[in-house]
Amino acid sequence: MVRVKVNTLSPLDSNRWSYLVEVTENDGSGSQTRHKGNMDKEYYEKISNGLIGTEDFVKKSLEFLLKRKDKDSILKEFNIKQIRQYFTEYETEIKKTIYEA
């Protein structure tokens, strides 16, 4: 199991936000990876309908990835909407997660 921590960074512009995501193993090893994610405001609103905050959206997205990939295999820098290019089920699954919250 891992712990996911998301911190908001300075916005890239008025329609694109940036986040630092730290993924840490809970096994006592302290093994950690850091990722810089960005997200378009339009994409966030389309998928979340504003039901959760942006940091929670990014965290849930990383948790989705971690169910499918090792933390070391996740790109160090990416746009959240890129996830759907690798996992076609992403948008359907993330919406379910948001609406269950």
C-alpha atoms as a PDB file:
ATOM      1  CA  MET A   1       0.000   0.000   0.000  1.00  0.00           C
ATOM      2  CA  VAL A   2       1.115   3.556  -0.671  1.00  0.00           C
ATOM      3  CA  ARG A   3       0.316   7.036   0.546  1.00  0.00           C
ATOM      4  CA  VAL A   4      -0.438   9.748  -2.022  1.00  0.00           C
ATOM      5  CA  LYS A   5       0.098  13.396  -1.102  1.00  0.00           C
ATOM      6  CA  VAL A   6      -0.873  16.204  -3.484  1.00  0.00           C
ATOM      7  CA  ASN A   7       0.274  19.822  -3.222  1.00  0.00           C
ATOM      8  CA  THR A   8      -0.893  22.617  -5.503  1.00  0.00           C
ATOM      9  CA  LEU A   9       1.879  24.500  -7.298  1.00  0.00           C
ATOM     10  CA  SER A  10       1.656  27.838  -9.108  1.00  0.00           C
ATOM     11  CA  PRO A  11      -0.852  27.680 -11.978  1.00  0.00           C
ATOM     12  CA  LEU A  12       0.643  27.292 -15.455  1.00  0.00           C
ATOM     13  CA  ASP A  13      -1.949  29.785 -16.683  1.00  0.00           C
ATOM     14  CA  SER A  14      -5.563  30.720 -15.891  1.00  0.00           C
ATOM     15  CA  ASN A  15      -6.883  27.469 -17.378  1.00  0.00           C
ATOM     16  CA  ARG A  16      -4.187  24.968 -16.355  1.00  0.00           C
ATOM     17  CA  TRP A  17      -3.162  24.004 -12.843  1.00  0.00           C
ATOM     18  CA  SER A  18      -0.008  22.283 -11.645  1.00  0.00           C
ATOM     19  CA  TYR A  19       0.529  19.813  -8.777  1.00  0.00           C
ATOM     20  CA  LEU A  20       3.374  18.039  -7.022  1.00  0.00           C
ATOM     21  CA  VAL A  21       2.403  14.474  -6.171  1.00  0.00           C
ATOM     22  CA  GLU A  22       4.422  12.396  -3.706  1.00  0.00           C
ATOM     23  CA  VAL A  23       3.862   8.647  -3.599  1.00  0.00           C
ATOM     24  CA  THR A  24       5.370   6.937  -0.540  1.00  0.00           C
ATOM     25  CA  GLU A  25       5.467   3.250   0.347  1.00  0.00           C
ATOM     26  CA  ASN A  26       3.795   2.433   3.672  1.00  0.00           C
ATOM     27  CA  ASP A  27       5.993  -0.635   4.188  1.00  0.00           C
ATOM     28  CA  GLY A  28       8.518   1.217   6.329  1.00  0.00           C
ATOM     29  CA  SER A  29      11.083   1.516   3.523  1.00  0.00           C
ATOM     30  CA  GLY A  30      10.300   5.185   2.903  1.00  0.00           C
ATOM     31  CA  SER A  31      10.596   4.570  -0.833  1.00  0.00           C
ATOM     32  CA  GLN A  32       9.132   7.592  -2.591  1.00  0.00           C
ATOM     33  CA  THR A  33       8.550   8.970  -6.077  1.00  0.00           C
ATOM     34  CA  ARG A  34       7.598  12.498  -7.065  1.00  0.00           C
ATOM     35  CA  HIS A  35       5.517  13.469 -10.030  1.00  0.00           C
ATOM     36  CA  LYS A  36       4.511  16.797 -11.494  1.00  0.00           C
ATOM     37  CA  GLY A  37       0.989  16.697 -12.821  1.00  0.00           C
ATOM     38  CA  ASN A  38      -0.982  19.383 -14.538  1.00  0.00           C
ATOM     39  CA  MET A  39      -4.642  19.555 -15.312  1.00  0.00           C
ATOM     40  CA  ASP A  40      -6.784  21.658 -17.593  1.00  0.00           C
ATOM     41  CA  LYS A  41      -9.663  23.452 -15.883  1.00  0.00           C
ATOM     42  CA  GLU A  42     -12.064  22.407 -18.674  1.00  0.00           C
ATOM     43  CA  TYR A  43     -11.131  18.717 -18.328  1.00  0.00           C
ATOM     44  CA  TYR A  44     -11.496  18.818 -14.531  1.00  0.00           C
ATOM     45  CA  GLU A  45     -14.956  20.410 -14.800  1.00  0.00           C
ATOM     46  CA  LYS A  46     -16.068  17.982 -17.520  1.00  0.00           C
ATOM     47  CA  ILE A  47     -15.133  14.890 -15.502  1.00  0.00           C
ATOM     48  CA  SER A  48     -15.799  15.993 -11.909  1.00  0.00           C
ATOM     49  CA  ASN A  49     -18.684  18.453 -12.314  1.00  0.00           C
ATOM     50  CA  GLY A  50     -16.990  20.245  -9.414  1.00  0.00           C
ATOM     51  CA  LEU A  51     -18.095  17.545  -6.939  1.00  0.00           C
ATOM     52  CA  ILE A  52     -14.603  17.232  -5.460  1.00  0.00           C
ATOM     53  CA  GLY A  53     -11.689  19.621  -5.181  1.00  0.00           C
ATOM     54  CA  THR A  54      -8.859  19.661  -7.678  1.00  0.00           C
ATOM     55  CA  GLU A  55      -6.299  18.105  -5.303  1.00  0.00           C
ATOM     56  CA  ASP A  56      -8.700  15.245  -4.515  1.00  0.00           C
ATOM     57  CA  PHE A  57      -9.256  14.749  -8.249  1.00  0.00           C
ATOM     58  CA  VAL A  58      -5.503  14.474  -8.842  1.00  0.00           C
ATOM     59  CA  LYS A  59      -5.127  12.123  -5.854  1.00  0.00           C
ATOM     60  CA  LYS A  60      -7.912   9.832  -7.081  1.00  0.00           C
ATOM     61  CA  SER A  61      -6.339   9.842 -10.529  1.00  0.00           C
ATOM     62  CA  LEU A  62      -2.985   8.743  -9.103  1.00  0.00           C
ATOM     63  CA  GLU A  63      -4.685   6.086  -7.009  1.00  0.00           C
ATOM     64  CA  PHE A  64      -6.309   4.833 -10.227  1.00  0.00           C
ATOM     65  CA  LEU A  65      -2.869   4.582 -11.833  1.00  0.00           C
ATOM     66  CA  LEU A  66      -1.342   2.867  -8.806  1.00  0.00           C
ATOM     67  CA  LYS A  67      -3.910   0.081  -9.048  1.00  0.00           C
ATOM     68  CA  ARG A  68      -2.514  -0.638 -12.521  1.00  0.00           C
ATOM     69  CA  LYS A  69       1.153   0.359 -12.413  1.00  0.00           C
ATOM     70  CA  ASP A  70       4.058   0.459 -10.000  1.00  0.00           C
ATOM     71  CA  LYS A  71       4.821   3.955  -8.689  1.00  0.00           C
ATOM     72  CA  ASP A  72       8.206   3.873 -10.419  1.00  0.00           C
ATOM     73  CA  SER A  73       6.507   3.305 -13.799  1.00  0.00           C
ATOM     74  CA  ILE A  74       4.380   6.461 -13.655  1.00  0.00           C
ATOM     75  CA  LEU A  75       5.670   9.353 -15.759  1.00  0.00           C
ATOM     76  CA  LYS A  76       7.529  12.000 -13.758  1.00  0.00           C
ATOM     77  CA  GLU A  77       5.591  14.761 -15.504  1.00  0.00           C
ATOM     78  CA  PHE A  78       2.219  14.486 -17.233  1.00  0.00           C
ATOM     79  CA  ASN A  79      -1.178  16.029 -17.867  1.00  0.00           C
ATOM     80  CA  ILE A  80      -4.016  14.225 -16.051  1.00  0.00           C
ATOM     81  CA  LYS A  81      -6.028  13.776 -19.239  1.00  0.00           C
ATOM     82  CA  GLN A  82      -3.117  11.766 -20.704  1.00  0.00           C
ATOM     83  CA  ILE A  83      -4.172   8.884 -18.465  1.00  0.00           C
ATOM     84  CA  ARG A  84      -7.058   8.082 -20.816  1.00  0.00           C
ATOM     85  CA  GLN A  85      -4.559   7.492 -23.641  1.00  0.00           C
ATOM     86  CA  TYR A  86      -3.037   4.597 -21.687  1.00  0.00           C
ATOM     87  CA  PHE A  87      -6.165   3.371 -19.902  1.00  0.00           C
ATOM     88  CA  THR A  88      -9.372   3.701 -21.885  1.00  0.00           C
ATOM     89  CA  GLU A  89     -11.451   2.932 -18.781  1.00  0.00           C
ATOM     90  CA  TYR A  90      -9.988   5.884 -16.829  1.00  0.00           C
ATOM     91  CA  GLU A  91     -12.778   8.420 -17.312  1.00  0.00           C
ATOM     92  CA  THR A  92     -15.534   5.906 -16.555  1.00  0.00           C
ATOM     93  CA  GLU A  93     -13.741   4.637 -13.451  1.00  0.00           C
ATOM     94  CA  ILE A  94     -12.758   8.059 -12.101  1.00  0.00           C
ATOM     95  CA  LYS A  95     -16.356   9.288 -12.470  1.00  0.00           C
ATOM     96  CA  LYS A  96     -17.561   6.273 -10.443  1.00  0.00           C
ATOM     97  CA  THR A  97     -14.993   7.085  -7.750  1.00  0.00           C
ATOM     98  CA  ILE A  98     -16.071  10.731  -7.628  1.00  0.00           C
ATOM     99  CA  TYR A  99     -19.773   9.978  -7.433  1.00  0.00           C
ATOM    100  CA  GLU A 100     -19.227   7.370  -4.683  1.00  0.00           C
ATOM    101  CA  ALA A 101     -17.407   9.925  -2.521  1.00  0.00           C
END
